[in-house]
Structure formats: C-alpha cells, structure tokens
Amino acid sequence: PLAYKNLVNFFRMVTTCYPTPTEEDMDFVIDEIERLG
C-alpha cells in the first residue's frame, strides 16, 4: 500500500534482466492472476 497517497494494496510487478523475461512470461502472469482470482 502507499498510505500517504491513500493507495490500498496493489501489485508491484518488476521485470528483471535475468532470467530474460518474455512476452509469454508476462501473459502467464496476467493469466495466472485471473485464474487464481
């Protein structure tokens, strides 16, 4: 959360340099969040 900005819990997705991220990886993240939620 960022209480001082009145923002409740949110995800903070950080892409890293290794392992090399792909568009398929990013699609998996979004799909998995949808499945689990």
PDB file of all heavy atoms in Angstrom:
ATOM      1  N   PRO A   1       0.850  -1.182   0.000  1.00  0.00           N
ATOM      2  CA  PRO A   1       0.000   0.000   0.000  1.00  0.00           C
ATOM      3  C   PRO A   1       0.895   1.245   0.000  1.00  0.00           C
ATOM      4  O   PRO A   1       2.099   1.146   0.267  1.00  0.00           O
ATOM      5  CB  PRO A   1      -0.737  -0.117   1.330  1.00  0.00           C
ATOM      6  CG  PRO A   1       0.292  -0.748   2.234  1.00  0.00           C
ATOM      7  CD  PRO A   1       1.108  -1.677   1.339  1.00  0.00           C
ATOM      8  N   LEU A   2       0.345   2.362  -0.314  1.00  0.00           N
ATOM      9  CA  LEU A   2       1.029   3.651  -0.119  1.00  0.00           C
ATOM     10  C   LEU A   2       0.051   4.530   0.646  1.00  0.00           C
ATOM     11  O   LEU A   2      -0.725   5.290   0.053  1.00  0.00           O
ATOM     12  CB  LEU A   2       1.417   4.308  -1.444  1.00  0.00           C
ATOM     13  CG  LEU A   2       2.620   3.751  -2.161  1.00  0.00           C
ATOM     14  CD1 LEU A   2       2.864   4.482  -3.473  1.00  0.00           C
ATOM     15  CD2 LEU A   2       3.866   3.804  -1.299  1.00  0.00           C
ATOM     16  N   ALA A   3       0.083   4.393   1.952  1.00  0.00           N
ATOM     17  CA  ALA A   3      -0.895   5.077   2.799  1.00  0.00           C
ATOM     18  C   ALA A   3      -0.836   6.595   2.625  1.00  0.00           C
ATOM     19  O   ALA A   3      -1.871   7.259   2.605  1.00  0.00           O
ATOM     20  CB  ALA A   3      -0.669   4.696   4.257  1.00  0.00           C
ATOM     21  N   TYR A   4       0.353   7.136   2.446  1.00  0.00           N
ATOM     22  CA  TYR A   4       0.467   8.593   2.338  1.00  0.00           C
ATOM     23  C   TYR A   4      -0.147   9.126   1.043  1.00  0.00           C
ATOM     24  O   TYR A   4      -0.408  10.316   0.915  1.00  0.00           O
ATOM     25  CB  TYR A   4       1.922   9.052   2.489  1.00  0.00           C
ATOM     26  CG  TYR A   4       2.806   8.790   1.297  1.00  0.00           C
ATOM     27  CD1 TYR A   4       3.021   9.775   0.346  1.00  0.00           C
ATOM     28  CD2 TYR A   4       3.438   7.564   1.129  1.00  0.00           C
ATOM     29  CE1 TYR A   4       3.841   9.548  -0.746  1.00  0.00           C
ATOM     30  CE2 TYR A   4       4.248   7.327   0.045  1.00  0.00           C
ATOM     31  CZ  TYR A   4       4.448   8.321  -0.883  1.00  0.00           C
ATOM     32  OH  TYR A   4       5.256   8.089  -1.968  1.00  0.00           O
ATOM     33  N   LYS A   5      -0.421   8.242   0.091  1.00  0.00           N
ATOM     34  CA  LYS A   5      -1.124   8.626  -1.140  1.00  0.00           C
ATOM     35  C   LYS A   5      -2.541   8.040  -1.175  1.00  0.00           C
ATOM     36  O   LYS A   5      -3.198   8.074  -2.197  1.00  0.00           O
ATOM     37  CB  LYS A   5      -0.354   8.147  -2.372  1.00  0.00           C
ATOM     38  CG  LYS A   5       0.920   8.912  -2.617  1.00  0.00           C
ATOM     39  CD  LYS A   5       1.493   8.570  -3.970  1.00  0.00           C
ATOM     40  CE  LYS A   5       2.685   9.472  -4.261  1.00  0.00           C
ATOM     41  NZ  LYS A   5       3.149   9.311  -5.637  1.00  0.00           N
ATOM     42  N   ASN A   6      -2.957   7.483  -0.038  1.00  0.00           N
ATOM     43  CA  ASN A   6      -4.275   6.842   0.072  1.00  0.00           C
ATOM     44  C   ASN A   6      -4.472   5.728  -0.950  1.00  0.00           C
ATOM     45  O   ASN A   6      -5.558   5.562  -1.496  1.00  0.00           O
ATOM     46  CB  ASN A   6      -5.397   7.880  -0.039  1.00  0.00           C
ATOM     47  CG  ASN A   6      -5.393   8.838   1.116  1.00  0.00           C
ATOM     48  OD1 ASN A   6      -5.188   8.440   2.264  1.00  0.00           O
ATOM     49  ND2 ASN A   6      -5.588  10.112   0.835  1.00  0.00           N
ATOM     50  N   LEU A   7      -3.427   4.953  -1.186  1.00  0.00           N
ATOM     51  CA  LEU A   7      -3.496   3.826  -2.111  1.00  0.00           C
ATOM     52  C   LEU A   7      -3.448   2.527  -1.309  1.00  0.00           C
ATOM     53  O   LEU A   7      -2.506   2.298  -0.554  1.00  0.00           O
ATOM     54  CB  LEU A   7      -2.332   3.861  -3.113  1.00  0.00           C
ATOM     55  CG  LEU A   7      -2.272   5.082  -4.030  1.00  0.00           C
ATOM     56  CD1 LEU A   7      -0.984   5.068  -4.851  1.00  0.00           C
ATOM     57  CD2 LEU A   7      -3.485   5.136  -4.934  1.00  0.00           C
ATOM     58  N   VAL A   8      -4.461   1.695  -1.507  1.00  0.00           N
ATOM     59  CA  VAL A   8      -4.501   0.402  -0.823  1.00  0.00           C
ATOM     60  C   VAL A   8      -3.599  -0.585  -1.556  1.00  0.00           C
ATOM     61  O   VAL A   8      -3.102  -0.300  -2.643  1.00  0.00           O
ATOM     62  CB  VAL A   8      -5.942  -0.137  -0.715  1.00  0.00           C
ATOM     63  CG1 VAL A   8      -6.834   0.831   0.056  1.00  0.00           C
ATOM     64  CG2 VAL A   8      -6.521  -0.441  -2.087  1.00  0.00           C
ATOM     65  N   ASN A   9      -3.402  -1.759  -0.964  1.00  0.00           N
ATOM     66  CA  ASN A   9      -2.521  -2.792  -1.527  1.00  0.00           C
ATOM     67  C   ASN A   9      -2.697  -2.939  -3.038  1.00  0.00           C
ATOM     68  O   ASN A   9      -3.803  -3.112  -3.524  1.00  0.00           O
ATOM     69  CB  ASN A   9      -2.803  -4.147  -0.879  1.00  0.00           C
ATOM     70  CG  ASN A   9      -2.223  -4.258   0.496  1.00  0.00           C
ATOM     71  OD1 ASN A   9      -1.170  -3.716   0.788  1.00  0.00           O
ATOM     72  ND2 ASN A   9      -2.909  -4.976   1.377  1.00  0.00           N
ATOM     73  N   PHE A  10      -1.569  -2.895  -3.728  1.00  0.00           N
ATOM     74  CA  PHE A  10      -1.548  -3.123  -5.165  1.00  0.00           C
ATOM     75  C   PHE A  10      -0.323  -3.961  -5.480  1.00  0.00           C
ATOM     76  O   PHE A  10       0.629  -4.015  -4.707  1.00  0.00           O
ATOM     77  CB  PHE A  10      -1.505  -1.800  -5.958  1.00  0.00           C
ATOM     78  CG  PHE A  10      -0.372  -0.892  -5.588  1.00  0.00           C
ATOM     79  CD1 PHE A  10       0.878  -1.024  -6.185  1.00  0.00           C
ATOM     80  CD2 PHE A  10      -0.545   0.104  -4.637  1.00  0.00           C
ATOM     81  CE1 PHE A  10       1.941  -0.185  -5.838  1.00  0.00           C
ATOM     82  CE2 PHE A  10       0.508   0.944  -4.294  1.00  0.00           C
ATOM     83  CZ  PHE A  10       1.746   0.806  -4.899  1.00  0.00           C
ATOM     84  N   PHE A  11      -0.366  -4.643  -6.617  1.00  0.00           N
ATOM     85  CA  PHE A  11       0.785  -5.438  -7.048  1.00  0.00           C
ATOM     86  C   PHE A  11       1.853  -4.526  -7.627  1.00  0.00           C
ATOM     87  O   PHE A  11       1.551  -3.517  -8.267  1.00  0.00           O
ATOM     88  CB  PHE A  11       0.384  -6.471  -8.102  1.00  0.00           C
ATOM     89  CG  PHE A  11      -0.358  -7.632  -7.539  1.00  0.00           C
ATOM     90  CD1 PHE A  11      -1.705  -7.802  -7.785  1.00  0.00           C
ATOM     91  CD2 PHE A  11       0.304  -8.572  -6.758  1.00  0.00           C
ATOM     92  CE1 PHE A  11      -2.387  -8.878  -7.265  1.00  0.00           C
ATOM     93  CE2 PHE A  11      -0.375  -9.651  -6.231  1.00  0.00           C
ATOM     94  CZ  PHE A  11      -1.718  -9.802  -6.488  1.00  0.00           C
ATOM     95  N   ARG A  12       3.096  -4.915  -7.425  1.00  0.00           N
ATOM     96  CA  ARG A  12       4.241  -4.206  -7.993  1.00  0.00           C
ATOM     97  C   ARG A  12       5.068  -5.225  -8.761  1.00  0.00           C
ATOM     98  O   ARG A  12       5.910  -5.919  -8.209  1.00  0.00           O
ATOM     99  CB  ARG A  12       5.061  -3.573  -6.868  1.00  0.00           C
ATOM    100  CG  ARG A  12       6.196  -2.726  -7.340  1.00  0.00           C
ATOM    101  CD  ARG A  12       6.765  -1.948  -6.135  1.00  0.00           C
ATOM    102  NE  ARG A  12       8.145  -1.631  -6.356  1.00  0.00           N
ATOM    103  CZ  ARG A  12       9.177  -2.256  -5.804  1.00  0.00           C
ATOM    104  NH1 ARG A  12       8.977  -3.247  -4.973  1.00  0.00           N
ATOM    105  NH2 ARG A  12      10.397  -1.903  -6.064  1.00  0.00           N
ATOM    106  N   MET A  13       4.776  -5.312 -10.052  1.00  0.00           N
ATOM    107  CA  MET A  13       5.460  -6.256 -10.934  1.00  0.00           C
ATOM    108  C   MET A  13       6.751  -5.604 -11.420  1.00  0.00           C
ATOM    109  O   MET A  13       6.729  -4.533 -12.019  1.00  0.00           O
ATOM    110  CB  MET A  13       4.549  -6.594 -12.115  1.00  0.00           C
ATOM    111  CG  MET A  13       5.172  -7.455 -13.150  1.00  0.00           C
ATOM    112  SD  MET A  13       5.451  -9.121 -12.521  1.00  0.00           S
ATOM    113  CE  MET A  13       6.080  -9.881 -13.996  1.00  0.00           C
ATOM    114  N   VAL A  14       7.866  -6.259 -11.157  1.00  0.00           N
ATOM    115  CA  VAL A  14       9.167  -5.745 -11.565  1.00  0.00           C
ATOM    116  C   VAL A  14       9.791  -6.750 -12.520  1.00  0.00           C
ATOM    117  O   VAL A  14      10.050  -7.885 -12.137  1.00  0.00           O
ATOM    118  CB  VAL A  14      10.096  -5.531 -10.348  1.00  0.00           C
ATOM    119  CG1 VAL A  14      11.430  -4.957 -10.791  1.00  0.00           C
ATOM    120  CG2 VAL A  14       9.433  -4.649  -9.306  1.00  0.00           C
ATOM    121  N   THR A  15      10.005  -6.344 -13.763  1.00  0.00           N
ATOM    122  CA  THR A  15      10.690  -7.235 -14.688  1.00  0.00           C
ATOM    123  C   THR A  15      12.186  -7.092 -14.460  1.00  0.00           C
ATOM    124  O   THR A  15      12.689  -6.005 -14.202  1.00  0.00           O
ATOM    125  CB  THR A  15      10.342  -6.934 -16.160  1.00  0.00           C
ATOM    126  OG1 THR A  15      10.625  -5.573 -16.446  1.00  0.00           O
ATOM    127  CG2 THR A  15       8.885  -7.220 -16.434  1.00  0.00           C
ATOM    128  N   THR A  16      12.876  -8.195 -14.523  1.00  0.00           N
ATOM    129  CA  THR A  16      14.305  -8.222 -14.230  1.00  0.00           C
ATOM    130  C   THR A  16      15.095  -8.565 -15.489  1.00  0.00           C
ATOM    131  O   THR A  16      14.526  -8.914 -16.517  1.00  0.00           O
ATOM    132  CB  THR A  16      14.605  -9.269 -13.147  1.00  0.00           C
ATOM    133  OG1 THR A  16      14.151 -10.546 -13.612  1.00  0.00           O
ATOM    134  CG2 THR A  16      13.914  -8.919 -11.832  1.00  0.00           C
ATOM    135  N   CYS A  17      16.394  -8.461 -15.387  1.00  0.00           N
ATOM    136  CA  CYS A  17      17.267  -8.730 -16.533  1.00  0.00           C
ATOM    137  C   CYS A  17      17.587 -10.207 -16.699  1.00  0.00           C
ATOM    138  O   CYS A  17      17.976 -10.640 -17.781  1.00  0.00           O
ATOM    139  CB  CYS A  17      18.570  -7.946 -16.390  1.00  0.00           C
ATOM    140  SG  CYS A  17      18.316  -6.169 -16.464  1.00  0.00           S
ATOM    141  N   TYR A  18      17.468 -10.971 -15.632  1.00  0.00           N
ATOM    142  CA  TYR A  18      17.775 -12.392 -15.721  1.00  0.00           C
ATOM    143  C   TYR A  18      16.912 -13.145 -14.733  1.00  0.00           C
ATOM    144  O   TYR A  18      16.827 -12.734 -13.582  1.00  0.00           O
ATOM    145  CB  TYR A  18      19.258 -12.653 -15.421  1.00  0.00           C
ATOM    146  CG  TYR A  18      19.640 -14.073 -15.713  1.00  0.00           C
ATOM    147  CD1 TYR A  18      19.944 -14.461 -17.007  1.00  0.00           C
ATOM    148  CD2 TYR A  18      19.648 -15.025 -14.720  1.00  0.00           C
ATOM    149  CE1 TYR A  18      20.266 -15.778 -17.292  1.00  0.00           C
ATOM    150  CE2 TYR A  18      19.968 -16.338 -14.989  1.00  0.00           C
ATOM    151  CZ  TYR A  18      20.274 -16.709 -16.282  1.00  0.00           C
ATOM    152  OH  TYR A  18      20.576 -18.009 -16.565  1.00  0.00           O
ATOM    153  N   PRO A  19      16.270 -14.195 -15.129  1.00  0.00           N
ATOM    154  CA  PRO A  19      16.243 -14.717 -16.482  1.00  0.00           C
ATOM    155  C   PRO A  19      15.567 -13.716 -17.415  1.00  0.00           C
ATOM    156  O   PRO A  19      14.722 -12.930 -16.999  1.00  0.00           O
ATOM    157  CB  PRO A  19      15.468 -16.017 -16.379  1.00  0.00           C
ATOM    158  CG  PRO A  19      14.670 -15.904 -15.126  1.00  0.00           C
ATOM    159  CD  PRO A  19      15.408 -14.978 -14.223  1.00  0.00           C
ATOM    160  N   THR A  20      15.938 -13.780 -18.680  1.00  0.00           N
ATOM    161  CA  THR A  20      15.417 -12.832 -19.651  1.00  0.00           C
ATOM    162  C   THR A  20      13.902 -12.983 -19.739  1.00  0.00           C
ATOM    163  O   THR A  20      13.401 -14.050 -20.070  1.00  0.00           O
ATOM    164  CB  THR A  20      16.054 -13.077 -21.034  1.00  0.00           C
ATOM    165  OG1 THR A  20      17.472 -12.993 -20.900  1.00  0.00           O
ATOM    166  CG2 THR A  20      15.575 -12.052 -22.040  1.00  0.00           C
ATOM    167  N   PRO A  21      13.164 -11.910 -19.434  1.00  0.00           N
ATOM    168  CA  PRO A  21      11.701 -12.003 -19.477  1.00  0.00           C
ATOM    169  C   PRO A  21      11.197 -12.001 -20.921  1.00  0.00           C
ATOM    170  O   PRO A  21      11.814 -11.413 -21.805  1.00  0.00           O
ATOM    171  CB  PRO A  21      11.255 -10.738 -18.739  1.00  0.00           C
ATOM    172  CG  PRO A  21      12.381  -9.776 -18.920  1.00  0.00           C
ATOM    173  CD  PRO A  21      13.632 -10.601 -19.004  1.00  0.00           C
ATOM    174  N   THR A  22      10.070 -12.660 -21.140  1.00  0.00           N
ATOM    175  CA  THR A  22       9.473 -12.718 -22.474  1.00  0.00           C
ATOM    176  C   THR A  22       8.027 -12.241 -22.393  1.00  0.00           C
ATOM    177  O   THR A  22       7.436 -12.169 -21.303  1.00  0.00           O
ATOM    178  CB  THR A  22       9.480 -14.150 -23.033  1.00  0.00           C
ATOM    179  OG1 THR A  22       8.620 -14.960 -22.216  1.00  0.00           O
ATOM    180  CG2 THR A  22      10.891 -14.732 -23.052  1.00  0.00           C
ATOM    181  N   GLU A  23       7.443 -11.965 -23.541  1.00  0.00           N
ATOM    182  CA  GLU A  23       6.036 -11.603 -23.578  1.00  0.00           C
ATOM    183  C   GLU A  23       5.182 -12.771 -23.094  1.00  0.00           C
ATOM    184  O   GLU A  23       4.158 -12.562 -22.427  1.00  0.00           O
ATOM    185  CB  GLU A  23       5.633 -11.169 -24.983  1.00  0.00           C
ATOM    186  CG  GLU A  23       6.255  -9.845 -25.379  1.00  0.00           C
ATOM    187  CD  GLU A  23       5.864  -9.356 -26.765  1.00  0.00           C
ATOM    188  OE1 GLU A  23       5.095 -10.063 -27.476  1.00  0.00           O
ATOM    189  OE2 GLU A  23       6.317  -8.259 -27.136  1.00  0.00           O
ATOM    190  N   GLU A  24       5.601 -13.980 -23.378  1.00  0.00           N
ATOM    191  CA  GLU A  24       4.872 -15.162 -22.908  1.00  0.00           C
ATOM    192  C   GLU A  24       4.878 -15.227 -21.379  1.00  0.00           C
ATOM    193  O   GLU A  24       3.873 -15.596 -20.759  1.00  0.00           O
ATOM    194  CB  GLU A  24       5.470 -16.450 -23.487  1.00  0.00           C
ATOM    195  CG  GLU A  24       5.262 -16.612 -24.972  1.00  0.00           C
ATOM    196  CD  GLU A  24       6.220 -15.767 -25.836  1.00  0.00           C
ATOM    197  OE1 GLU A  24       7.294 -15.328 -25.343  1.00  0.00           O
ATOM    198  OE2 GLU A  24       5.877 -15.520 -27.003  1.00  0.00           O
ATOM    199  N   ASP A  25       6.001 -14.853 -20.774  1.00  0.00           N
ATOM    200  CA  ASP A  25       6.072 -14.805 -19.310  1.00  0.00           C
ATOM    201  C   ASP A  25       5.069 -13.797 -18.760  1.00  0.00           C
ATOM    202  O   ASP A  25       4.378 -14.056 -17.764  1.00  0.00           O
ATOM    203  CB  ASP A  25       7.478 -14.409 -18.831  1.00  0.00           C
ATOM    204  CG  ASP A  25       8.545 -15.421 -19.187  1.00  0.00           C
ATOM    205  OD1 ASP A  25       8.231 -16.623 -19.295  1.00  0.00           O
ATOM    206  OD2 ASP A  25       9.712 -14.991 -19.360  1.00  0.00           O
ATOM    207  N   MET A  26       5.001 -12.640 -19.400  1.00  0.00           N
ATOM    208  CA  MET A  26       4.088 -11.593 -18.943  1.00  0.00           C
ATOM    209  C   MET A  26       2.631 -12.037 -19.111  1.00  0.00           C
ATOM    210  O   MET A  26       1.798 -11.784 -18.236  1.00  0.00           O
ATOM    211  CB  MET A  26       4.329 -10.289 -19.710  1.00  0.00           C
ATOM    212  CG  MET A  26       5.752  -9.723 -19.583  1.00  0.00           C
ATOM    213  SD  MET A  26       6.272  -9.355 -17.885  1.00  0.00           S
ATOM    214  CE  MET A  26       7.380 -10.725 -17.550  1.00  0.00           C
ATOM    215  N   ASP A  27       2.329 -12.707 -20.215  1.00  0.00           N
ATOM    216  CA  ASP A  27       0.976 -13.236 -20.419  1.00  0.00           C
ATOM    217  C   ASP A  27       0.641 -14.267 -19.342  1.00  0.00           C
ATOM    218  O   ASP A  27      -0.486 -14.291 -18.834  1.00  0.00           O
ATOM    219  CB  ASP A  27       0.845 -13.879 -21.807  1.00  0.00           C
ATOM    220  CG  ASP A  27       0.882 -12.858 -22.937  1.00  0.00           C
ATOM    221  OD1 ASP A  27       0.611 -11.658 -22.691  1.00  0.00           O
ATOM    222  OD2 ASP A  27       1.195 -13.265 -24.075  1.00  0.00           O
ATOM    223  N   PHE A  28       1.616 -15.103 -18.983  1.00  0.00           N
ATOM    224  CA  PHE A  28       1.391 -16.097 -17.934  1.00  0.00           C
ATOM    225  C   PHE A  28       1.036 -15.410 -16.617  1.00  0.00           C
ATOM    226  O   PHE A  28       0.117 -15.846 -15.904  1.00  0.00           O
ATOM    227  CB  PHE A  28       2.606 -16.996 -17.737  1.00  0.00           C
ATOM    228  CG  PHE A  28       2.443 -17.940 -16.580  1.00  0.00           C
ATOM    229  CD1 PHE A  28       1.690 -19.097 -16.718  1.00  0.00           C
ATOM    230  CD2 PHE A  28       3.001 -17.650 -15.345  1.00  0.00           C
ATOM    231  CE1 PHE A  28       1.505 -19.956 -15.642  1.00  0.00           C
ATOM    232  CE2 PHE A  28       2.820 -18.497 -14.264  1.00  0.00           C
ATOM    233  CZ  PHE A  28       2.073 -19.657 -14.409  1.00  0.00           C
ATOM    234  N   VAL A  29       1.742 -14.341 -16.279  1.00  0.00           N
ATOM    235  CA  VAL A  29       1.475 -13.631 -15.019  1.00  0.00           C
ATOM    236  C   VAL A  29       0.034 -13.138 -14.987  1.00  0.00           C
ATOM    237  O   VAL A  29      -0.700 -13.361 -14.017  1.00  0.00           O
ATOM    238  CB  VAL A  29       2.463 -12.455 -14.834  1.00  0.00           C
ATOM    239  CG1 VAL A  29       2.046 -11.561 -13.675  1.00  0.00           C
ATOM    240  CG2 VAL A  29       3.879 -12.969 -14.619  1.00  0.00           C
ATOM    241  N   ILE A  30      -0.379 -12.484 -16.046  1.00  0.00           N
ATOM    242  CA  ILE A  30      -1.742 -11.942 -16.083  1.00  0.00           C
ATOM    243  C   ILE A  30      -2.770 -13.074 -16.071  1.00  0.00           C
ATOM    244  O   ILE A  30      -3.762 -13.017 -15.330  1.00  0.00           O
ATOM    245  CB  ILE A  30      -1.921 -11.024 -17.304  1.00  0.00           C
ATOM    246  CG1 ILE A  30      -1.103  -9.750 -17.085  1.00  0.00           C
ATOM    247  CG2 ILE A  30      -3.387 -10.681 -17.526  1.00  0.00           C
ATOM    248  CD1 ILE A  30      -1.120  -8.776 -18.230  1.00  0.00           C
ATOM    249  N   ASP A  31      -2.546 -14.099 -16.858  1.00  0.00           N
ATOM    250  CA  ASP A  31      -3.462 -15.236 -16.894  1.00  0.00           C
ATOM    251  C   ASP A  31      -3.571 -15.919 -15.532  1.00  0.00           C
ATOM    252  O   ASP A  31      -4.663 -16.310 -15.101  1.00  0.00           O
ATOM    253  CB  ASP A  31      -3.040 -16.254 -17.949  1.00  0.00           C
ATOM    254  CG  ASP A  31      -3.178 -15.734 -19.376  1.00  0.00           C
ATOM    255  OD1 ASP A  31      -3.897 -14.734 -19.598  1.00  0.00           O
ATOM    256  OD2 ASP A  31      -2.557 -16.331 -20.273  1.00  0.00           O
ATOM    257  N   GLU A  32      -2.430 -16.081 -14.860  1.00  0.00           N
ATOM    258  CA  GLU A  32      -2.430 -16.753 -13.562  1.00  0.00           C
ATOM    259  C   GLU A  32      -3.169 -15.919 -12.511  1.00  0.00           C
ATOM    260  O   GLU A  32      -3.908 -16.466 -11.686  1.00  0.00           O
ATOM    261  CB  GLU A  32      -0.982 -17.034 -13.123  1.00  0.00           C
ATOM    262  CG  GLU A  32      -0.860 -17.837 -11.848  1.00  0.00           C
ATOM    263  CD  GLU A  32      -1.290 -19.297 -11.990  1.00  0.00           C
ATOM    264  OE1 GLU A  32      -1.833 -19.718 -13.036  1.00  0.00           O
ATOM    265  OE2 GLU A  32      -1.074 -20.042 -11.018  1.00  0.00           O
ATOM    266  N   ILE A  33      -2.987 -14.628 -12.540  1.00  0.00           N
ATOM    267  CA  ILE A  33      -3.728 -13.760 -11.613  1.00  0.00           C
ATOM    268  C   ILE A  33      -5.226 -13.899 -11.863  1.00  0.00           C
ATOM    269  O   ILE A  33      -6.019 -14.019 -10.922  1.00  0.00           O
ATOM    270  CB  ILE A  33      -3.251 -12.302 -11.732  1.00  0.00           C
ATOM    271  CG1 ILE A  33      -1.854 -12.152 -11.137  1.00  0.00           C
ATOM    272  CG2 ILE A  33      -4.221 -11.349 -11.037  1.00  0.00           C
ATOM    273  CD1 ILE A  33      -1.190 -10.819 -11.399  1.00  0.00           C
ATOM    274  N   GLU A  34      -5.605 -13.902 -13.127  1.00  0.00           N
ATOM    275  CA  GLU A  34      -7.022 -14.084 -13.454  1.00  0.00           C
ATOM    276  C   GLU A  34      -7.535 -15.435 -12.977  1.00  0.00           C
ATOM    277  O   GLU A  34      -8.636 -15.516 -12.405  1.00  0.00           O
ATOM    278  CB  GLU A  34      -7.256 -13.961 -14.963  1.00  0.00           C
ATOM    279  CG  GLU A  34      -7.197 -12.540 -15.470  1.00  0.00           C
ATOM    280  CD  GLU A  34      -7.434 -12.440 -16.974  1.00  0.00           C
ATOM    281  OE1 GLU A  34      -7.051 -13.372 -17.711  1.00  0.00           O
ATOM    282  OE2 GLU A  34      -8.000 -11.419 -17.391  1.00  0.00           O
ATOM    283  N   ARG A  35      -6.757 -16.499 -13.185  1.00  0.00           N
ATOM    284  CA  ARG A  35      -7.186 -17.835 -12.752  1.00  0.00           C
ATOM    285  C   ARG A  35      -7.347 -17.907 -11.245  1.00  0.00           C
ATOM    286  O   ARG A  35      -8.356 -18.398 -10.731  1.00  0.00           O
ATOM    287  CB  ARG A  35      -6.161 -18.889 -13.188  1.00  0.00           C
ATOM    288  CG  ARG A  35      -6.356 -19.434 -14.569  1.00  0.00           C
ATOM    289  CD  ARG A  35      -5.463 -20.651 -14.827  1.00  0.00           C
ATOM    290  NE  ARG A  35      -4.039 -20.349 -14.818  1.00  0.00           N
ATOM    291  CZ  ARG A  35      -3.370 -19.865 -15.862  1.00  0.00           C
ATOM    292  NH1 ARG A  35      -3.985 -19.620 -16.990  1.00  0.00           N
ATOM    293  NH2 ARG A  35      -2.081 -19.621 -15.780  1.00  0.00           N
ATOM    294  N   LEU A  36      -6.350 -17.411 -10.538  1.00  0.00           N
ATOM    295  CA  LEU A  36      -6.350 -17.534  -9.080  1.00  0.00           C
ATOM    296  C   LEU A  36      -7.347 -16.580  -8.407  1.00  0.00           C
ATOM    297  O   LEU A  36      -7.765 -16.811  -7.270  1.00  0.00           O
ATOM    298  CB  LEU A  36      -4.944 -17.299  -8.528  1.00  0.00           C
ATOM    299  CG  LEU A  36      -3.903 -18.346  -8.921  1.00  0.00           C
ATOM    300  CD1 LEU A  36      -2.521 -17.926  -8.441  1.00  0.00           C
ATOM    301  CD2 LEU A  36      -4.276 -19.712  -8.386  1.00  0.00           C
ATOM    302  N   GLY A  37      -7.702 -15.505  -9.103  1.00  0.00           N
ATOM    303  CA  GLY A  37      -8.592 -14.519  -8.501  1.00  0.00           C
ATOM    304  C   GLY A  37     -10.003 -14.528  -9.038  1.00  0.00           C
ATOM    305  O   GLY A  37     -10.821 -13.683  -8.656  1.00  0.00           O
TER     306      GLY A  37
END
